[in-house]
Amino acid sequence: MQTANRRYLATKELPAITGLSVSFFEKGRIYGYGPPYYKQRGKVLYKESEVIAWTESRRVDPEGENHA
């Protein structure tokens, strides 16, 4: 679904851009982790730009000082 230059994705579309499973996002909604999402008429939608930003925020630099 696209609206005014914003692309919204269903949960089943997220693995293709994140490499994470559908169940990861389903459980994330229950347990409070994962990217922000929207509920509209019973559907769960994710804004593509927010999913990408969330994915990029999880980047770990193996040579960085905060590497665990």
PDB file of N, CA and C in Angstrom:
ATOM      1  N   MET A   1       0.848  -1.172   0.000  1.00  0.00           N
ATOM      2  CA  MET A   1       0.000   0.000   0.000  1.00  0.00           C
ATOM      3  C   MET A   1       0.893   1.234   0.000  1.00  0.00           C
ATOM      4  N   GLN A   2       0.588   2.196  -0.874  1.00  0.00           N
ATOM      5  CA  GLN A   2       1.341   3.447  -0.915  1.00  0.00           C
ATOM      6  C   GLN A   2       0.392   4.614  -0.725  1.00  0.00           C
ATOM      7  N   THR A   3       0.838   5.594   0.058  1.00  0.00           N
ATOM      8  CA  THR A   3       0.065   6.795   0.285  1.00  0.00           C
ATOM      9  C   THR A   3       1.015   7.971   0.334  1.00  0.00           C
ATOM     10  N   ALA A   4       0.851   8.930  -0.560  1.00  0.00           N
ATOM     11  CA  ALA A   4       1.648  10.163  -0.559  1.00  0.00           C
ATOM     12  C   ALA A   4       3.136   9.910  -0.296  1.00  0.00           C
ATOM     13  N   ASN A   5       3.770   9.115  -1.162  1.00  0.00           N
ATOM     14  CA  ASN A   5       5.203   8.806  -1.058  1.00  0.00           C
ATOM     15  C   ASN A   5       5.573   8.015   0.196  1.00  0.00           C
ATOM     16  N   ARG A   6       4.623   7.416   0.834  1.00  0.00           N
ATOM     17  CA  ARG A   6       4.891   6.562   1.995  1.00  0.00           C
ATOM     18  C   ARG A   6       4.438   5.160   1.636  1.00  0.00           C
ATOM     19  N   ARG A   7       5.314   4.225   1.785  1.00  0.00           N
ATOM     20  CA  ARG A   7       4.969   2.842   1.486  1.00  0.00           C
ATOM     21  C   ARG A   7       4.747   2.102   2.789  1.00  0.00           C
ATOM     22  N   TYR A   8       3.619   1.438   2.893  1.00  0.00           N
ATOM     23  CA  TYR A   8       3.278   0.652   4.068  1.00  0.00           C
ATOM     24  C   TYR A   8       3.346  -0.824   3.711  1.00  0.00           C
ATOM     25  N   LEU A   9       3.900  -1.617   4.622  1.00  0.00           N
ATOM     26  CA  LEU A   9       4.114  -3.034   4.385  1.00  0.00           C
ATOM     27  C   LEU A   9       3.336  -3.881   5.379  1.00  0.00           C
ATOM     28  N   ALA A  10       2.850  -4.997   4.906  1.00  0.00           N
ATOM     29  CA  ALA A  10       2.245  -5.992   5.793  1.00  0.00           C
ATOM     30  C   ALA A  10       3.363  -6.785   6.447  1.00  0.00           C
ATOM     31  N   THR A  11       3.059  -7.434   7.547  1.00  0.00           N
ATOM     32  CA  THR A  11       4.051  -8.211   8.281  1.00  0.00           C
ATOM     33  C   THR A  11       4.736  -9.233   7.381  1.00  0.00           C
ATOM     34  N   LYS A  12       3.978  -9.868   6.508  1.00  0.00           N
ATOM     35  CA  LYS A  12       4.546 -10.918   5.652  1.00  0.00           C
ATOM     36  C   LYS A  12       5.563 -10.381   4.651  1.00  0.00           C
ATOM     37  N   GLU A  13       5.618  -9.070   4.444  1.00  0.00           N
ATOM     38  CA  GLU A  13       6.580  -8.470   3.518  1.00  0.00           C
ATOM     39  C   GLU A  13       7.913  -8.113   4.193  1.00  0.00           C
ATOM     40  N   LEU A  14       7.942  -8.082   5.505  1.00  0.00           N
ATOM     41  CA  LEU A  14       9.128  -7.625   6.233  1.00  0.00           C
ATOM     42  C   LEU A  14      10.346  -8.541   6.123  1.00  0.00           C
ATOM     43  N   PRO A  15      10.190  -9.868   6.096  1.00  0.00           N
ATOM     44  CA  PRO A  15      11.378 -10.711   5.981  1.00  0.00           C
ATOM     45  C   PRO A  15      12.229 -10.411   4.745  1.00  0.00           C
ATOM     46  N   ALA A  16      11.605  -9.993   3.660  1.00  0.00           N
ATOM     47  CA  ALA A  16      12.344  -9.711   2.425  1.00  0.00           C
ATOM     48  C   ALA A  16      13.302  -8.532   2.580  1.00  0.00           C
ATOM     49  N   ILE A  17      12.977  -7.588   3.456  1.00  0.00           N
ATOM     50  CA  ILE A  17      13.862  -6.421   3.608  1.00  0.00           C
ATOM     51  C   ILE A  17      14.686  -6.457   4.887  1.00  0.00           C
ATOM     52  N   THR A  18      14.323  -7.324   5.840  1.00  0.00           N
ATOM     53  CA  THR A  18      15.062  -7.356   7.103  1.00  0.00           C
ATOM     54  C   THR A  18      15.833  -8.651   7.325  1.00  0.00           C
ATOM     55  N   GLY A  19      15.405  -9.723   6.690  1.00  0.00           N
ATOM     56  CA  GLY A  19      16.021 -11.023   6.941  1.00  0.00           C
ATOM     57  C   GLY A  19      15.519 -11.691   8.206  1.00  0.00           C
ATOM     58  N   LEU A  20      14.539 -11.092   8.857  1.00  0.00           N
ATOM     59  CA  LEU A  20      13.953 -11.641  10.086  1.00  0.00           C
ATOM     60  C   LEU A  20      12.617 -12.299   9.753  1.00  0.00           C
ATOM     61  N   SER A  21      12.192 -13.237  10.569  1.00  0.00           N
ATOM     62  CA  SER A  21      10.974 -13.996  10.290  1.00  0.00           C
ATOM     63  C   SER A  21       9.710 -13.213  10.620  1.00  0.00           C
ATOM     64  N   VAL A  22       8.615 -13.646  10.035  1.00  0.00           N
ATOM     65  CA  VAL A  22       7.307 -13.070  10.341  1.00  0.00           C
ATOM     66  C   VAL A  22       7.023 -13.205  11.832  1.00  0.00           C
ATOM     67  N   SER A  23       7.350 -14.359  12.409  1.00  0.00           N
ATOM     68  CA  SER A  23       7.065 -14.576  13.827  1.00  0.00           C
ATOM     69  C   SER A  23       7.858 -13.622  14.724  1.00  0.00           C
ATOM     70  N   PHE A  24       9.040 -13.203  14.286  1.00  0.00           N
ATOM     71  CA  PHE A  24       9.806 -12.215  15.052  1.00  0.00           C
ATOM     72  C   PHE A  24       8.969 -10.941  15.230  1.00  0.00           C
ATOM     73  N   PHE A  25       8.350 -10.480  14.160  1.00  0.00           N
ATOM     74  CA  PHE A  25       7.556  -9.250  14.223  1.00  0.00           C
ATOM     75  C   PHE A  25       6.235  -9.461  14.969  1.00  0.00           C
ATOM     76  N   GLU A  26       5.629 -10.628  14.805  1.00  0.00           N
ATOM     77  CA  GLU A  26       4.395 -10.922  15.534  1.00  0.00           C
ATOM     78  C   GLU A  26       4.659 -10.949  17.040  1.00  0.00           C
ATOM     79  N   LYS A  27       5.725 -11.601  17.436  1.00  0.00           N
ATOM     80  CA  LYS A  27       6.071 -11.653  18.863  1.00  0.00           C
ATOM     81  C   LYS A  27       6.508 -10.279  19.360  1.00  0.00           C
ATOM     82  N   GLY A  28       7.192  -9.527  18.518  1.00  0.00           N
ATOM     83  CA  GLY A  28       7.624  -8.183  18.895  1.00  0.00           C
ATOM     84  C   GLY A  28       6.464  -7.273  19.247  1.00  0.00           C
ATOM     85  N   ARG A  29       5.360  -7.428  18.549  1.00  0.00           N
ATOM     86  CA  ARG A  29       4.184  -6.608  18.876  1.00  0.00           C
ATOM     87  C   ARG A  29       3.630  -6.976  20.252  1.00  0.00           C
ATOM     88  N   ILE A  30       3.731  -8.236  20.617  1.00  0.00           N
ATOM     89  CA  ILE A  30       3.231  -8.685  21.919  1.00  0.00           C
ATOM     90  C   ILE A  30       4.178  -8.280  23.045  1.00  0.00           C
ATOM     91  N   TYR A  31       5.479  -8.495  22.825  1.00  0.00           N
ATOM     92  CA  TYR A  31       6.462  -8.299  23.889  1.00  0.00           C
ATOM     93  C   TYR A  31       7.146  -6.929  23.873  1.00  0.00           C
ATOM     94  N   GLY A  32       6.812  -6.092  22.921  1.00  0.00           N
ATOM     95  CA  GLY A  32       7.298  -4.713  22.933  1.00  0.00           C
ATOM     96  C   GLY A  32       8.663  -4.478  22.319  1.00  0.00           C
ATOM     97  N   TYR A  33       9.038  -5.257  21.323  1.00  0.00           N
ATOM     98  CA  TYR A  33      10.276  -4.970  20.596  1.00  0.00           C
ATOM     99  C   TYR A  33       9.960  -4.922  19.104  1.00  0.00           C
ATOM    100  N   GLY A  34      10.887  -4.441  18.345  1.00  0.00           N
ATOM    101  CA  GLY A  34      10.689  -4.342  16.894  1.00  0.00           C
ATOM    102  C   GLY A  34      10.342  -2.923  16.481  1.00  0.00           C
ATOM    103  N   PRO A  35      10.156  -2.736  15.190  1.00  0.00           N
ATOM    104  CA  PRO A  35       9.872  -1.396  14.677  1.00  0.00           C
ATOM    105  C   PRO A  35       8.452  -0.950  15.026  1.00  0.00           C
ATOM    106  N   PRO A  36       8.201   0.366  14.967  1.00  0.00           N
ATOM    107  CA  PRO A  36       6.845   0.851  15.212  1.00  0.00           C
ATOM    108  C   PRO A  36       5.899   0.339  14.118  1.00  0.00           C
ATOM    109  N   TYR A  37       4.638   0.235  14.470  1.00  0.00           N
ATOM    110  CA  TYR A  37       3.640  -0.241  13.506  1.00  0.00           C
ATOM    111  C   TYR A  37       2.341   0.518  13.685  1.00  0.00           C
ATOM    112  N   TYR A  38       1.457   0.346  12.728  1.00  0.00           N
ATOM    113  CA  TYR A  38       0.165   1.018  12.717  1.00  0.00           C
ATOM    114  C   TYR A  38      -0.927  -0.031  12.607  1.00  0.00           C
ATOM    115  N   LYS A  39      -2.044   0.225  13.254  1.00  0.00           N
ATOM    116  CA  LYS A  39      -3.205  -0.649  13.110  1.00  0.00           C
ATOM    117  C   LYS A  39      -4.289   0.160  12.416  1.00  0.00           C
ATOM    118  N   GLN A  40      -4.783  -0.395  11.336  1.00  0.00           N
ATOM    119  CA  GLN A  40      -5.814   0.288  10.576  1.00  0.00           C
ATOM    120  C   GLN A  40      -6.847  -0.734  10.111  1.00  0.00           C
ATOM    121  N   ARG A  41      -8.052  -0.588  10.599  1.00  0.00           N
ATOM    122  CA  ARG A  41      -9.150  -1.489  10.238  1.00  0.00           C
ATOM    123  C   ARG A  41      -8.780  -2.953  10.423  1.00  0.00           C
ATOM    124  N   GLY A  42      -8.133  -3.242  11.529  1.00  0.00           N
ATOM    125  CA  GLY A  42      -7.776  -4.618  11.837  1.00  0.00           C
ATOM    126  C   GLY A  42      -6.504  -5.115  11.171  1.00  0.00           C
ATOM    127  N   LYS A  43      -5.870  -4.287  10.346  1.00  0.00           N
ATOM    128  CA  LYS A  43      -4.621  -4.677   9.690  1.00  0.00           C
ATOM    129  C   LYS A  43      -3.445  -4.048  10.415  1.00  0.00           C
ATOM    130  N   VAL A  44      -2.342  -4.772  10.449  1.00  0.00           N
ATOM    131  CA  VAL A  44      -1.096  -4.254  11.010  1.00  0.00           C
ATOM    132  C   VAL A  44      -0.213  -3.858   9.838  1.00  0.00           C
ATOM    133  N   LEU A  45       0.239  -2.612   9.851  1.00  0.00           N
ATOM    134  CA  LEU A  45       1.081  -2.096   8.779  1.00  0.00           C
ATOM    135  C   LEU A  45       2.332  -1.455   9.354  1.00  0.00           C
ATOM    136  N   TYR A  46       3.409  -1.549   8.603  1.00  0.00           N
ATOM    137  CA  TYR A  46       4.676  -0.935   8.980  1.00  0.00           C
ATOM    138  C   TYR A  46       5.071   0.040   7.879  1.00  0.00           C
ATOM    139  N   LYS A  47       5.511   1.229   8.266  1.00  0.00           N
ATOM    140  CA  LYS A  47       6.002   2.172   7.278  1.00  0.00           C
ATOM    141  C   LYS A  47       7.405   1.721   6.872  1.00  0.00           C
ATOM    142  N   GLU A  48       7.616   1.549   5.574  1.00  0.00           N
ATOM    143  CA  GLU A  48       8.888   1.029   5.081  1.00  0.00           C
ATOM    144  C   GLU A  48      10.081   1.835   5.596  1.00  0.00           C
ATOM    145  N   SER A  49       9.986   3.153   5.566  1.00  0.00           N
ATOM    146  CA  SER A  49      11.112   3.990   6.005  1.00  0.00           C
ATOM    147  C   SER A  49      11.420   3.781   7.486  1.00  0.00           C
ATOM    148  N   GLU A  50      10.399   3.513   8.300  1.00  0.00           N
ATOM    149  CA  GLU A  50      10.624   3.269   9.725  1.00  0.00           C
ATOM    150  C   GLU A  50      11.241   1.894   9.969  1.00  0.00           C
ATOM    151  N   VAL A  51      10.862   0.915   9.157  1.00  0.00           N
ATOM    152  CA  VAL A  51      11.461  -0.419   9.278  1.00  0.00           C
ATOM    153  C   VAL A  51      12.942  -0.352   8.911  1.00  0.00           C
ATOM    154  N   ILE A  52      13.252   0.376   7.846  1.00  0.00           N
ATOM    155  CA  ILE A  52      14.646   0.518   7.431  1.00  0.00           C
ATOM    156  C   ILE A  52      15.444   1.260   8.502  1.00  0.00           C
ATOM    157  N   ALA A  53      14.880   2.346   9.034  1.00  0.00           N
ATOM    158  CA  ALA A  53      15.571   3.101  10.093  1.00  0.00           C
ATOM    159  C   ALA A  53      15.786   2.228  11.328  1.00  0.00           C
ATOM    160  N   TRP A  54      14.788   1.445  11.713  1.00  0.00           N
ATOM    161  CA  TRP A  54      14.912   0.553  12.863  1.00  0.00           C
ATOM    162  C   TRP A  54      16.008  -0.483  12.612  1.00  0.00           C
ATOM    163  N   THR A  55      16.018  -1.061  11.412  1.00  0.00           N
ATOM    164  CA  THR A  55      17.030  -2.057  11.068  1.00  0.00           C
ATOM    165  C   THR A  55      18.426  -1.443  11.132  1.00  0.00           C
ATOM    166  N   GLU A  56      18.581  -0.256  10.585  1.00  0.00           N
ATOM    167  CA  GLU A  56      19.885   0.411  10.587  1.00  0.00           C
ATOM    168  C   GLU A  56      20.320   0.817  11.995  1.00  0.00           C
ATOM    169  N   SER A  57      19.365   1.069  12.882  1.00  0.00           N
ATOM    170  CA  SER A  57      19.710   1.450  14.259  1.00  0.00           C
ATOM    171  C   SER A  57      20.286   0.273  15.050  1.00  0.00           C
ATOM    172  N   ARG A  58      20.119  -0.925  14.537  1.00  0.00           N
ATOM    173  CA  ARG A  58      20.619  -2.132  15.211  1.00  0.00           C
ATOM    174  C   ARG A  58      22.027  -2.500  14.748  1.00  0.00           C
ATOM    175  N   ARG A  59      22.625  -1.657  13.951  1.00  0.00           N
ATOM    176  CA  ARG A  59      23.967  -1.905  13.423  1.00  0.00           C
ATOM    177  C   ARG A  59      24.981  -1.955  14.559  1.00  0.00           C
ATOM    178  N   VAL A  60      25.872  -2.926  14.480  1.00  0.00           N
ATOM    179  CA  VAL A  60      26.950  -3.063  15.457  1.00  0.00           C
ATOM    180  C   VAL A  60      28.272  -2.968  14.702  1.00  0.00           C
ATOM    181  N   ASP A  61      29.123  -2.076  15.146  1.00  0.00           N
ATOM    182  CA  ASP A  61      30.452  -1.941  14.550  1.00  0.00           C
ATOM    183  C   ASP A  61      31.393  -2.863  15.321  1.00  0.00           C
ATOM    184  N   PRO A  62      31.911  -3.905  14.699  1.00  0.00           N
ATOM    185  CA  PRO A  62      32.749  -4.852  15.426  1.00  0.00           C
ATOM    186  C   PRO A  62      34.033  -4.235  15.980  1.00  0.00           C
ATOM    187  N   GLU A  63      34.401  -3.099  15.454  1.00  0.00           N
ATOM    188  CA  GLU A  63      35.602  -2.434  15.961  1.00  0.00           C
ATOM    189  C   GLU A  63      35.267  -1.254  16.858  1.00  0.00           C
ATOM    190  N   GLY A  64      33.986  -1.003  17.080  1.00  0.00           N
ATOM    191  CA  GLY A  64      33.557   0.115  17.914  1.00  0.00           C
ATOM    192  C   GLY A  64      33.757  -0.169  19.387  1.00  0.00           C
ATOM    193  N   GLU A  65      33.747   0.884  20.180  1.00  0.00           N
ATOM    194  CA  GLU A  65      33.994   0.713  21.603  1.00  0.00           C
ATOM    195  C   GLU A  65      32.832   0.111  22.343  1.00  0.00           C
ATOM    196  N   ASN A  66      31.633   0.111  21.778  1.00  0.00           N
ATOM    197  CA  ASN A  66      30.468  -0.468  22.457  1.00  0.00           C
ATOM    198  C   ASN A  66      30.178  -1.895  22.014  1.00  0.00           C
ATOM    199  N   HIS A  67      31.114  -2.478  21.314  1.00  0.00           N
ATOM    200  CA  HIS A  67      30.915  -3.862  20.849  1.00  0.00           C
ATOM    201  C   HIS A  67      30.977  -4.829  22.032  1.00  0.00           C
ATOM    202  N   ALA A  68      29.964  -5.676  22.114  1.00  0.00           N
ATOM    203  CA  ALA A  68      29.918  -6.634  23.230  1.00  0.00           C
ATOM    204  C   ALA A  68      30.334  -8.007  22.779  1.00  0.00           C
TER     205      ALA A  68
END
